[in-house]
N, C-alpha and C. Protein backbone atom coordinates (compact mmCIF):
# COMPACT_ATOMS: atom_id res chain seq x y z
N UNK A 1 -30.07 -25.87 32.58
CA UNK A 1 -30.74 -25.43 34.03
C UNK A 1 -30.65 -26.82 34.88
N UNK A 2 -30.27 -26.66 36.17
CA UNK A 2 -30.49 -27.88 37.05
C UNK A 2 -31.63 -27.24 38.01
N UNK A 3 -32.27 -28.03 38.50
CA UNK A 3 -33.45 -28.17 39.49
C UNK A 3 -33.09 -29.03 40.80
N UNK A 4 -33.07 -28.47 41.81
CA UNK A 4 -32.69 -29.21 43.09
C UNK A 4 -34.16 -29.89 43.68
N UNK A 5 -34.25 -31.25 43.73
CA UNK A 5 -35.30 -31.50 44.31
C UNK A 5 -35.36 -31.78 45.76
N UNK A 6 -36.47 -31.99 46.57
CA UNK A 6 -36.31 -31.90 48.12
C UNK A 6 -35.56 -33.04 48.47
N UNK A 7 -35.51 -34.05 47.75
CA UNK A 7 -34.58 -35.48 48.26
C UNK A 7 -33.21 -35.22 47.41
N UNK A 8 -32.47 -35.70 48.07
CA UNK A 8 -31.00 -35.27 47.42
C UNK A 8 -30.62 -36.37 46.33
N UNK A 9 -31.52 -37.45 46.05
CA UNK A 9 -31.24 -38.34 45.12
C UNK A 9 -31.04 -37.96 43.62
N UNK A 10 -31.66 -36.70 43.19
CA UNK A 10 -31.44 -36.43 41.85
C UNK A 10 -31.35 -34.79 41.55
N UNK A 11 -30.55 -34.71 40.56
CA UNK A 11 -30.53 -33.36 40.01
C UNK A 11 -31.35 -33.51 38.59
N UNK A 12 -32.17 -32.66 38.23
CA UNK A 12 -32.70 -33.01 36.85
C UNK A 12 -32.12 -31.71 36.09
N UNK A 13 -31.68 -32.12 34.91
CA UNK A 13 -31.29 -31.19 33.99
C UNK A 13 -32.40 -30.85 32.97
N UNK A 14 -32.69 -29.47 32.90
CA UNK A 14 -33.91 -29.26 31.87
C UNK A 14 -33.18 -28.96 30.58
N UNK A 15 -33.54 -29.32 29.60
CA UNK A 15 -33.09 -28.93 28.33
C UNK A 15 -34.27 -28.19 27.50
N UNK A 16 -34.11 -28.10 26.20
CA UNK A 16 -35.34 -27.43 25.43
C UNK A 16 -36.48 -28.37 25.49
N UNK A 17 -37.61 -27.61 25.71
CA UNK A 17 -38.98 -28.45 25.70
C UNK A 17 -39.07 -29.18 24.36
N UNK A 18 -39.58 -30.48 24.34
CA UNK A 18 -39.81 -31.25 23.28
C UNK A 18 -41.01 -30.58 22.36
N UNK A 19 -41.01 -30.56 21.15
CA UNK A 19 -41.95 -30.01 20.25
C UNK A 19 -43.06 -31.09 20.37
N UNK A 20 -44.26 -30.23 20.41
CA UNK A 20 -45.43 -31.05 20.25
C UNK A 20 -45.67 -31.75 19.02
N UNK A 21 -45.32 -30.83 17.81
CA UNK A 21 -45.42 -31.20 16.44
C UNK A 21 -44.15 -30.78 15.87
N UNK A 22 -43.75 -32.03 15.11
CA UNK A 22 -42.29 -31.84 14.44
C UNK A 22 -42.41 -30.67 13.20
N UNK A 23 -43.37 -29.94 13.16
CA UNK A 23 -43.62 -29.10 11.83
C UNK A 23 -43.33 -27.70 12.78
N UNK A 24 -43.73 -27.44 14.07
CA UNK A 24 -43.65 -26.32 14.56
C UNK A 24 -42.19 -26.03 15.17
N UNK A 25 -41.99 -24.63 15.16
CA UNK A 25 -40.62 -24.37 15.67
C UNK A 25 -40.31 -24.54 17.15
N UNK A 26 -39.14 -24.44 17.44
CA UNK A 26 -38.90 -24.82 18.96
C UNK A 26 -39.33 -23.67 19.88
N UNK A 27 -39.49 -23.80 21.02
CA UNK A 27 -40.10 -22.62 21.82
C UNK A 27 -38.81 -22.43 22.76
N UNK A 28 -38.79 -21.19 22.74
CA UNK A 28 -37.51 -20.62 23.45
C UNK A 28 -37.97 -19.71 24.62
N UNK A 29 -37.65 -19.75 25.83
CA UNK A 29 -38.19 -19.24 26.92
C UNK A 29 -37.84 -17.70 26.81
N UNK A 30 -38.87 -16.79 26.95
CA UNK A 30 -38.93 -15.37 26.88
C UNK A 30 -38.17 -14.78 27.96
N UNK A 31 -37.74 -15.53 28.88
CA UNK A 31 -36.70 -14.97 29.97
C UNK A 31 -35.43 -14.84 29.62
N UNK A 32 -35.05 -15.54 28.48
CA UNK A 32 -33.73 -15.36 28.09
C UNK A 32 -33.42 -14.07 27.31
N UNK A 33 -32.24 -13.30 27.77
CA UNK A 33 -31.81 -12.15 27.29
C UNK A 33 -31.64 -12.14 25.59
N UNK A 34 -32.03 -11.15 24.74
CA UNK A 34 -31.82 -11.18 23.48
C UNK A 34 -30.66 -10.11 23.20
N UNK A 35 -29.61 -10.40 22.71
CA UNK A 35 -28.63 -9.45 22.27
C UNK A 35 -29.22 -8.15 21.61
N UNK A 36 -28.41 -7.19 21.80
CA UNK A 36 -28.89 -5.96 21.19
C UNK A 36 -28.78 -6.21 19.67
N UNK A 37 -27.73 -6.53 19.09
CA UNK A 37 -27.39 -6.84 17.62
C UNK A 37 -27.87 -8.33 17.49
N UNK A 38 -29.15 -8.64 17.19
CA UNK A 38 -29.51 -10.04 16.96
C UNK A 38 -28.98 -10.40 15.68
N UNK A 39 -28.25 -11.64 15.64
CA UNK A 39 -27.99 -12.30 14.30
C UNK A 39 -29.05 -12.80 13.71
N UNK A 40 -29.56 -12.20 12.37
CA UNK A 40 -30.90 -12.72 11.60
C UNK A 40 -30.48 -13.64 10.76
N UNK A 41 -30.97 -14.95 10.87
CA UNK A 41 -30.55 -15.63 9.49
C UNK A 41 -31.14 -15.29 8.09
N UNK A 42 -30.00 -15.31 7.15
CA UNK A 42 -30.46 -15.02 5.89
C UNK A 42 -30.13 -13.53 5.62
N UNK A 43 -29.94 -12.54 6.52
CA UNK A 43 -29.45 -11.20 6.36
C UNK A 43 -27.90 -11.05 6.53
N UNK A 44 -27.41 -10.52 5.57
CA UNK A 44 -26.11 -10.40 5.61
C UNK A 44 -25.84 -9.18 6.39
N UNK A 45 -24.56 -9.36 7.23
CA UNK A 45 -24.30 -8.29 7.98
C UNK A 45 -23.35 -7.22 7.13
N UNK A 46 -23.79 -6.03 7.42
CA UNK A 46 -23.15 -4.94 6.75
C UNK A 46 -21.64 -4.84 7.11
N UNK A 47 -20.51 -4.93 6.11
CA UNK A 47 -19.41 -5.00 6.53
C UNK A 47 -18.72 -3.47 6.29
N UNK A 48 -18.46 -2.88 7.60
CA UNK A 48 -17.76 -1.36 7.10
C UNK A 48 -16.39 -1.76 7.06
N UNK A 49 -15.88 -0.49 6.28
CA UNK A 49 -14.42 -0.38 5.84
C UNK A 49 -13.86 0.88 6.29
N UNK A 50 -12.89 0.73 6.99
CA UNK A 50 -12.17 1.91 7.58
C UNK A 50 -10.89 2.19 6.42
N UNK A 51 -11.05 3.39 5.80
CA UNK A 51 -9.87 3.61 4.71
C UNK A 51 -8.78 3.82 5.17
N UNK A 52 -8.58 4.19 6.52
CA UNK A 52 -7.39 4.24 7.14
C UNK A 52 -6.43 3.26 7.21
N UNK A 53 -7.17 1.94 7.40
CA UNK A 53 -6.36 0.64 7.64
C UNK A 53 -6.60 -0.27 6.50
N UNK A 54 -7.32 0.05 5.42
CA UNK A 54 -7.68 -0.79 4.30
C UNK A 54 -6.52 -0.66 3.15
N UNK A 55 -6.13 -1.77 2.67
CA UNK A 55 -5.23 -1.78 1.51
C UNK A 55 -5.76 -1.23 0.21
N UNK A 56 -7.07 -1.35 -0.06
CA UNK A 56 -7.62 -0.65 -1.02
C UNK A 56 -7.40 0.88 -1.26
N UNK A 57 -7.44 1.38 -0.15
CA UNK A 57 -7.11 2.89 -0.23
C UNK A 57 -5.69 3.38 -0.77
N UNK A 58 -4.65 2.45 -0.63
CA UNK A 58 -3.42 2.62 -1.24
C UNK A 58 -2.44 2.67 0.21
N UNK A 59 -0.87 2.98 -0.30
CA UNK A 59 -0.30 2.85 0.83
C UNK A 59 -0.02 4.29 1.53
N UNK A 60 0.31 4.31 2.74
CA UNK A 60 0.61 5.63 3.43
C UNK A 60 1.80 6.10 3.06
N UNK A 61 1.91 7.41 2.66
CA UNK A 61 3.12 8.10 2.54
C UNK A 61 3.17 9.27 3.33
N UNK A 62 3.83 9.37 4.45
CA UNK A 62 4.04 10.58 5.27
C UNK A 62 4.19 11.88 4.66
N UNK A 63 5.18 11.80 3.43
CA UNK A 63 5.85 13.11 2.65
C UNK A 63 4.54 13.65 1.86
N UNK A 64 3.67 12.62 1.25
CA UNK A 64 2.68 12.86 0.51
C UNK A 64 1.56 13.61 1.27
N UNK A 65 1.21 13.03 2.36
CA UNK A 65 0.25 13.47 3.31
C UNK A 65 0.46 14.74 3.87
N UNK A 66 1.83 15.03 4.30
CA UNK A 66 2.10 16.25 4.88
C UNK A 66 2.18 17.51 3.73
N UNK A 67 2.28 17.12 2.51
CA UNK A 67 2.08 18.03 1.45
C UNK A 67 0.71 18.51 1.12
N UNK A 68 -0.16 17.21 1.10
CA UNK A 68 -1.33 17.57 0.75
C UNK A 68 -2.37 18.45 1.93
N UNK A 69 -1.79 18.10 3.00
CA UNK A 69 -2.42 18.79 4.09
C UNK A 69 -1.64 19.70 4.77
N UNK A 70 -0.82 20.56 4.16
CA UNK A 70 0.14 21.58 4.80
C UNK A 70 -0.86 22.93 5.12
N UNK A 71 -1.91 23.00 4.46
CA UNK A 71 -2.90 24.08 4.86
C UNK A 71 -3.11 24.10 6.22
N UNK A 72 -3.28 22.83 6.80
CA UNK A 72 -3.53 22.82 8.40
C UNK A 72 -2.77 23.66 9.20
N UNK A 73 -1.54 23.55 8.90
CA UNK A 73 -0.41 24.35 9.75
C UNK A 73 -0.76 25.79 9.65
N UNK A 74 -1.22 26.52 8.53
CA UNK A 74 -1.56 27.78 8.42
C UNK A 74 -2.80 28.17 9.35
N UNK A 75 -3.82 27.02 9.16
CA UNK A 75 -5.09 27.25 9.97
C UNK A 75 -4.62 27.29 11.46
N UNK A 76 -3.60 26.22 12.13
CA UNK A 76 -3.51 26.46 13.25
C UNK A 76 -2.73 27.58 13.68
N UNK A 77 -2.03 28.30 12.92
CA UNK A 77 -1.23 29.47 13.06
C UNK A 77 -2.31 30.41 13.35
N UNK A 78 -3.55 30.59 12.60
CA UNK A 78 -4.37 31.61 12.70
C UNK A 78 -5.16 31.39 13.94
N UNK A 79 -5.35 30.10 14.38
CA UNK A 79 -6.27 29.90 15.52
C UNK A 79 -5.19 30.05 16.78
N UNK A 80 -3.96 30.06 16.74
CA UNK A 80 -3.21 30.29 17.94
C UNK A 80 -3.19 31.86 17.86
N UNK A 81 -3.33 32.72 16.98
CA UNK A 81 -3.28 33.96 17.13
C UNK A 81 -4.60 34.53 17.89
N UNK A 82 -5.75 33.78 17.60
CA UNK A 82 -7.04 34.12 17.87
C UNK A 82 -7.04 34.03 19.45
N UNK A 83 -6.24 32.68 19.86
CA UNK A 83 -6.44 32.25 21.39
C UNK A 83 -5.51 33.30 21.91
N UNK A 84 -4.31 33.92 21.52
CA UNK A 84 -3.70 34.88 22.17
C UNK A 84 -4.32 36.23 22.37
N UNK A 85 -5.22 36.26 21.28
CA UNK A 85 -6.01 37.66 21.51
C UNK A 85 -7.17 37.45 22.46
N UNK A 86 -7.76 36.27 22.66
CA UNK A 86 -8.58 36.11 23.64
C UNK A 86 -8.03 35.96 25.04
N UNK A 87 -6.84 35.52 24.98
CA UNK A 87 -6.20 35.72 26.27
C UNK A 87 -5.84 37.03 26.82
N UNK A 88 -5.50 37.88 25.97
CA UNK A 88 -5.49 39.26 26.26
C UNK A 88 -6.73 40.03 26.67
N UNK A 89 -7.66 39.58 26.03
CA UNK A 89 -9.04 40.47 26.56
C UNK A 89 -9.68 39.68 27.74
N UNK A 90 -9.55 38.34 27.96
CA UNK A 90 -10.17 37.85 29.11
C UNK A 90 -9.74 38.37 30.37
N UNK A 91 -10.84 38.31 31.25
CA UNK A 91 -10.83 38.95 32.72
C UNK A 91 -10.86 38.05 33.57
N UNK A 92 -11.49 36.86 33.31
CA UNK A 92 -11.96 35.67 34.21
C UNK A 92 -10.71 34.85 34.24
N UNK A 93 -10.28 34.62 35.41
CA UNK A 93 -8.89 33.70 35.92
C UNK A 93 -8.92 32.21 35.38
N UNK A 94 -10.37 31.58 35.60
CA UNK A 94 -10.37 30.28 35.24
C UNK A 94 -10.28 30.24 33.78
N UNK A 95 -10.98 31.07 33.15
CA UNK A 95 -10.94 31.19 31.56
C UNK A 95 -9.68 31.34 31.18
N UNK A 96 -8.83 32.49 31.60
CA UNK A 96 -7.63 32.67 31.40
C UNK A 96 -6.72 31.65 31.38
N UNK A 97 -6.82 30.90 32.68
CA UNK A 97 -5.97 29.53 32.69
C UNK A 97 -6.17 28.56 31.78
N UNK A 98 -7.45 28.16 31.34
CA UNK A 98 -7.98 27.27 30.32
C UNK A 98 -7.08 27.79 28.98
N UNK A 99 -7.28 29.10 28.70
CA UNK A 99 -6.58 29.59 27.40
C UNK A 99 -5.07 29.55 27.38
N UNK A 100 -4.46 29.58 28.66
CA UNK A 100 -3.05 29.23 28.86
C UNK A 100 -2.75 27.86 28.34
N UNK A 101 -3.48 26.96 28.98
CA UNK A 101 -3.27 25.60 28.67
C UNK A 101 -3.22 25.33 27.34
N UNK A 102 -4.40 25.87 26.59
CA UNK A 102 -4.54 25.61 25.19
C UNK A 102 -3.44 26.19 24.27
N UNK A 103 -2.95 27.21 24.65
CA UNK A 103 -1.73 27.90 23.99
C UNK A 103 -0.59 27.24 24.20
N UNK A 104 -0.30 26.68 25.38
CA UNK A 104 0.73 25.99 25.67
C UNK A 104 0.82 24.49 24.77
N UNK A 105 -0.13 23.89 24.78
CA UNK A 105 -0.58 22.65 23.99
C UNK A 105 -0.16 23.00 22.79
N UNK A 106 -0.65 24.18 21.92
CA UNK A 106 -0.37 24.45 20.63
C UNK A 106 0.90 24.87 20.66
N UNK A 107 1.65 25.41 21.28
CA UNK A 107 2.97 25.84 21.09
C UNK A 107 3.84 24.50 21.24
N UNK A 108 3.59 23.40 22.18
CA UNK A 108 4.36 22.24 22.28
C UNK A 108 3.99 21.40 20.93
N UNK A 109 2.89 21.39 20.57
CA UNK A 109 2.80 20.62 19.26
C UNK A 109 3.68 21.03 18.00
N UNK A 110 3.63 22.42 17.99
CA UNK A 110 4.15 23.11 17.00
C UNK A 110 5.94 22.66 16.97
N UNK A 111 6.26 22.72 18.22
CA UNK A 111 7.80 22.49 18.54
C UNK A 111 7.81 21.03 18.31
N UNK A 112 7.05 20.21 18.71
CA UNK A 112 7.50 18.85 18.38
C UNK A 112 7.31 18.48 16.78
N UNK A 113 6.56 19.14 16.23
CA UNK A 113 6.53 18.97 14.72
C UNK A 113 7.74 19.58 14.01
N UNK A 114 8.07 20.64 14.34
CA UNK A 114 9.60 21.12 13.90
C UNK A 114 10.57 20.33 14.32
N UNK A 115 10.66 19.82 15.47
CA UNK A 115 11.92 18.53 15.71
C UNK A 115 11.82 17.53 15.09
N UNK A 116 10.59 17.16 14.67
CA UNK A 116 10.45 15.76 13.91
C UNK A 116 10.85 16.01 12.50
N UNK A 117 10.31 17.42 11.92
CA UNK A 117 10.95 17.85 10.41
C UNK A 117 12.30 17.84 10.44
N UNK A 118 13.00 18.47 11.55
CA UNK A 118 14.46 18.56 11.42
C UNK A 118 15.08 17.16 11.62
N UNK A 119 14.57 16.30 12.40
CA UNK A 119 15.21 14.84 12.23
C UNK A 119 14.99 14.24 10.88
N UNK A 120 13.79 14.47 10.21
CA UNK A 120 13.65 13.68 9.09
C UNK A 120 14.56 14.27 8.10
N UNK A 121 14.77 15.70 8.13
CA UNK A 121 15.57 16.24 7.21
C UNK A 121 17.07 15.66 7.48
N UNK A 122 17.44 15.61 8.67
CA UNK A 122 18.73 15.11 8.83
C UNK A 122 19.13 13.69 8.16
N UNK A 123 18.01 12.90 8.47
CA UNK A 123 18.19 11.52 8.09
C UNK A 123 18.21 11.54 6.58
N UNK A 124 17.32 12.51 5.99
CA UNK A 124 17.30 12.43 4.48
C UNK A 124 18.72 12.71 3.83
N UNK A 125 19.21 13.91 4.59
CA UNK A 125 20.52 14.25 3.86
C UNK A 125 21.59 13.13 4.09
N UNK A 126 21.59 12.46 5.32
CA UNK A 126 22.43 11.28 5.56
C UNK A 126 22.39 10.21 4.48
N UNK A 127 21.16 9.90 4.03
CA UNK A 127 20.76 8.91 3.16
C UNK A 127 21.29 9.26 1.74
N UNK A 128 21.20 10.68 1.50
CA UNK A 128 21.43 10.91 0.08
C UNK A 128 23.16 11.02 0.05
N UNK A 129 23.93 11.39 1.28
CA UNK A 129 25.34 11.23 1.04
C UNK A 129 25.76 9.63 0.99
N UNK A 130 25.08 9.07 1.98
CA UNK A 130 25.27 7.40 1.80
C UNK A 130 25.11 6.93 0.56
N UNK A 131 24.17 7.31 -0.47
CA UNK A 131 24.12 6.99 -1.68
C UNK A 131 25.10 7.12 -2.39
N UNK A 132 25.45 8.51 -2.19
CA UNK A 132 26.85 8.91 -3.06
C UNK A 132 28.13 7.98 -2.57
N UNK A 133 28.23 7.65 -1.52
CA UNK A 133 29.29 6.91 -0.98
C UNK A 133 29.13 5.56 -1.34
N UNK A 134 27.86 5.06 -1.70
CA UNK A 134 27.82 3.29 -2.17
C UNK A 134 28.16 3.60 -3.64
N UNK A 135 27.96 4.66 -4.47
CA UNK A 135 28.22 4.73 -5.88
C UNK A 135 29.76 4.76 -6.02
N UNK A 136 30.33 5.52 -5.25
CA UNK A 136 31.91 5.45 -5.11
C UNK A 136 32.54 4.06 -4.88
N UNK A 137 31.65 3.29 -4.24
CA UNK A 137 32.13 1.62 -4.07
C UNK A 137 32.40 1.40 -2.70
N UNK A 138 32.00 2.26 -1.69
CA UNK A 138 31.93 1.76 -0.35
C UNK A 138 30.61 0.83 0.13
N UNK A 139 30.81 0.20 1.22
CA UNK A 139 29.49 -0.71 1.51
C UNK A 139 28.68 0.32 2.39
N UNK A 140 27.25 0.20 2.31
CA UNK A 140 26.36 1.06 2.91
C UNK A 140 26.21 1.05 4.20
N UNK A 141 26.04 1.91 4.99
CA UNK A 141 25.92 1.83 6.47
C UNK A 141 24.46 2.42 7.02
N UNK A 142 23.72 1.80 7.52
CA UNK A 142 22.37 2.26 7.82
C UNK A 142 22.41 2.68 9.30
N UNK A 143 21.67 3.77 9.43
CA UNK A 143 21.78 4.52 10.63
C UNK A 143 20.83 3.73 11.70
N UNK A 144 21.29 3.69 12.67
CA UNK A 144 20.59 3.27 14.17
C UNK A 144 19.95 4.47 14.73
N UNK A 145 19.19 4.21 15.63
CA UNK A 145 18.43 5.09 16.50
C UNK A 145 19.50 6.09 17.21
N UNK A 146 20.61 5.49 17.82
CA UNK A 146 21.62 6.16 18.52
C UNK A 146 22.32 7.04 17.56
N UNK A 147 22.60 6.55 16.43
CA UNK A 147 23.27 7.49 15.49
C UNK A 147 22.29 8.61 14.88
N UNK A 148 21.27 8.63 14.86
CA UNK A 148 20.37 9.52 14.64
C UNK A 148 20.57 10.60 15.66
N UNK A 149 20.31 10.17 16.87
CA UNK A 149 20.30 10.96 18.00
C UNK A 149 21.86 11.68 18.20
N UNK A 150 22.87 11.17 17.93
CA UNK A 150 24.31 11.73 17.75
C UNK A 150 24.16 12.84 16.62
N UNK A 151 23.54 12.50 15.40
CA UNK A 151 23.31 13.50 14.48
C UNK A 151 22.43 14.85 14.86
N UNK A 152 21.53 14.42 15.71
CA UNK A 152 20.76 15.60 16.30
C UNK A 152 21.48 16.43 17.19
N UNK A 153 22.13 15.77 18.11
CA UNK A 153 22.89 16.46 19.15
C UNK A 153 24.00 17.54 18.57
N UNK A 154 24.76 16.90 17.26
CA UNK A 154 25.64 17.64 16.67
C UNK A 154 25.16 18.84 15.86
N UNK A 155 23.92 18.58 15.48
CA UNK A 155 23.20 19.85 14.82
C UNK A 155 22.88 20.85 15.82
N UNK A 156 22.37 20.30 17.00
CA UNK A 156 21.79 21.32 17.93
C UNK A 156 23.02 22.02 18.49
N UNK A 157 24.25 21.48 18.54
CA UNK A 157 25.62 22.24 18.98
C UNK A 157 25.93 23.47 18.25
N UNK A 158 25.67 22.84 16.63
CA UNK A 158 26.02 23.88 15.76
C UNK A 158 25.01 25.10 15.80
N UNK A 159 23.85 24.98 16.06
CA UNK A 159 22.96 26.10 16.35
C UNK A 159 23.26 26.66 17.46
N UNK A 160 23.63 26.05 18.55
CA UNK A 160 23.96 26.76 19.75
C UNK A 160 25.23 27.49 19.66
N UNK A 161 26.07 27.20 18.87
CA UNK A 161 27.41 27.58 18.55
C UNK A 161 27.17 29.05 17.96
N UNK A 162 26.29 28.99 16.94
CA UNK A 162 25.85 30.14 16.07
C UNK A 162 25.35 31.43 17.07
N UNK A 163 24.50 30.96 17.99
CA UNK A 163 23.91 31.66 18.90
C UNK A 163 24.75 32.23 20.19
N UNK A 164 25.58 31.35 20.33
CA UNK A 164 26.64 31.50 21.36
C UNK A 164 26.16 31.21 22.72
N UNK A 165 25.29 30.07 22.66
CA UNK A 165 24.36 29.78 24.00
C UNK A 165 25.18 28.18 24.57
N UNK A 166 26.23 27.81 23.92
CA UNK A 166 26.63 26.56 24.07
C UNK A 166 26.88 26.32 25.67
N UNK A 167 27.72 27.41 26.37
CA UNK A 167 27.95 27.16 27.83
C UNK A 167 26.47 26.97 28.56
N UNK A 168 25.64 27.82 28.23
CA UNK A 168 24.40 27.82 28.75
C UNK A 168 23.61 26.56 28.74
N UNK A 169 23.91 25.91 27.70
CA UNK A 169 23.15 24.79 27.45
C UNK A 169 23.88 23.52 28.22
N UNK A 170 24.94 23.60 28.17
CA UNK A 170 25.97 22.49 29.01
C UNK A 170 25.46 22.58 30.23
N UNK A 171 25.52 23.82 30.82
CA UNK A 171 25.33 24.15 32.33
C UNK A 171 23.98 23.68 32.73
N UNK A 172 22.94 23.80 31.81
CA UNK A 172 21.58 23.47 32.27
C UNK A 172 21.65 21.81 32.08
N UNK A 173 22.22 21.24 31.27
CA UNK A 173 22.28 19.80 31.25
C UNK A 173 22.92 19.20 32.42
N UNK A 174 23.88 19.79 32.66
CA UNK A 174 24.74 19.26 33.99
C UNK A 174 23.94 19.47 35.19
N UNK A 175 23.21 20.51 35.30
CA UNK A 175 22.29 20.66 36.70
C UNK A 175 21.22 19.61 36.48
N UNK A 176 20.79 19.46 35.45
CA UNK A 176 19.61 18.55 35.21
C UNK A 176 20.07 16.92 35.61
N UNK A 177 21.24 16.55 35.02
CA UNK A 177 21.80 15.40 35.30
C UNK A 177 22.26 15.30 36.84
N UNK A 178 22.58 16.29 37.51
CA UNK A 178 22.90 16.28 38.89
C UNK A 178 21.72 16.21 39.71
N UNK A 179 20.67 16.71 39.39
CA UNK A 179 19.20 16.69 40.04
C UNK A 179 18.78 15.19 39.95
N UNK A 180 18.97 14.28 38.79
CA UNK A 180 18.64 13.26 38.76
C UNK A 180 19.18 12.19 39.38
N UNK A 181 20.81 12.43 39.63
CA UNK A 181 21.43 11.70 40.45
C UNK A 181 21.12 11.81 41.88
N UNK A 182 20.79 12.80 42.15
CA UNK A 182 20.23 12.97 43.70
C UNK A 182 19.32 12.27 43.91
N UNK A 183 18.25 12.56 43.16
CA UNK A 183 16.90 11.53 43.32
C UNK A 183 17.18 10.10 43.24
N UNK A 184 18.23 9.66 42.46
CA UNK A 184 18.46 8.31 42.62
C UNK A 184 19.15 7.85 43.88
N UNK A 185 20.07 8.71 44.42
CA UNK A 185 20.54 8.57 45.65
C UNK A 185 19.39 8.65 46.75
N UNK A 186 18.69 9.25 46.88
CA UNK A 186 17.63 9.48 47.76
C UNK A 186 16.83 8.04 47.82
N UNK A 187 16.55 7.65 46.58
CA UNK A 187 15.56 6.44 46.57
C UNK A 187 16.55 5.19 47.12
N UNK A 188 17.53 5.08 46.75
CA UNK A 188 18.52 3.89 47.00
C UNK A 188 18.86 4.06 48.62
C-alpha cells in the first residue's frame, strides 16, 4: 500500500507490521478479504474424480454404451406417447404450444439418432467390404468425410427410388439451392 503525504517528497510503502516478539504469529489486517475456499495448511484438498473423463473407468466404446442403454429409447417412446396424449387433451393455447415444442424436439432427436445409426451402418459395411478387398491383395482405402456423404446420398436415392419420390426430392433440392443463390445475389 502506498500512502501519500502532504508534501510531495515521499511515498511510503507499508509492508507487513513487524512482530513485537519473534515467537508470535504475523498480524494480518482484518480488512483483507478471505477467499470462500481458504487453503488451510496441513489439510489435504479432497480430489474429486469424474468417471466420464478418467482413464481408470476404462475406454469409451459407443457400441457397448448404446447396447447397454438401449432401454432408454423405449422409455423415450413411452414419454412421446404421453406427450401426444397430453397435447390432444390440453385446451390452453400456451401449454399446447409448449407441448408441441417438446414433441418436435423429441421427433428431431429421434430422426437425428436414426440418421446417425444409418451412417454408422454404412461405414461399417464399407469397412467389412474393404477388409475383404485387402485380403484379396488390394491396397486399403480409408473413407474421407466427403466419401461418407456420397455413400449416404447414394443410399438416400435408393430409398427414394423404392418409394418413387426421386423427382420430388430433386425438385425440392433445386428450389432450395435457387433460393440460396438469390439470397447471395441480394447480399452482393
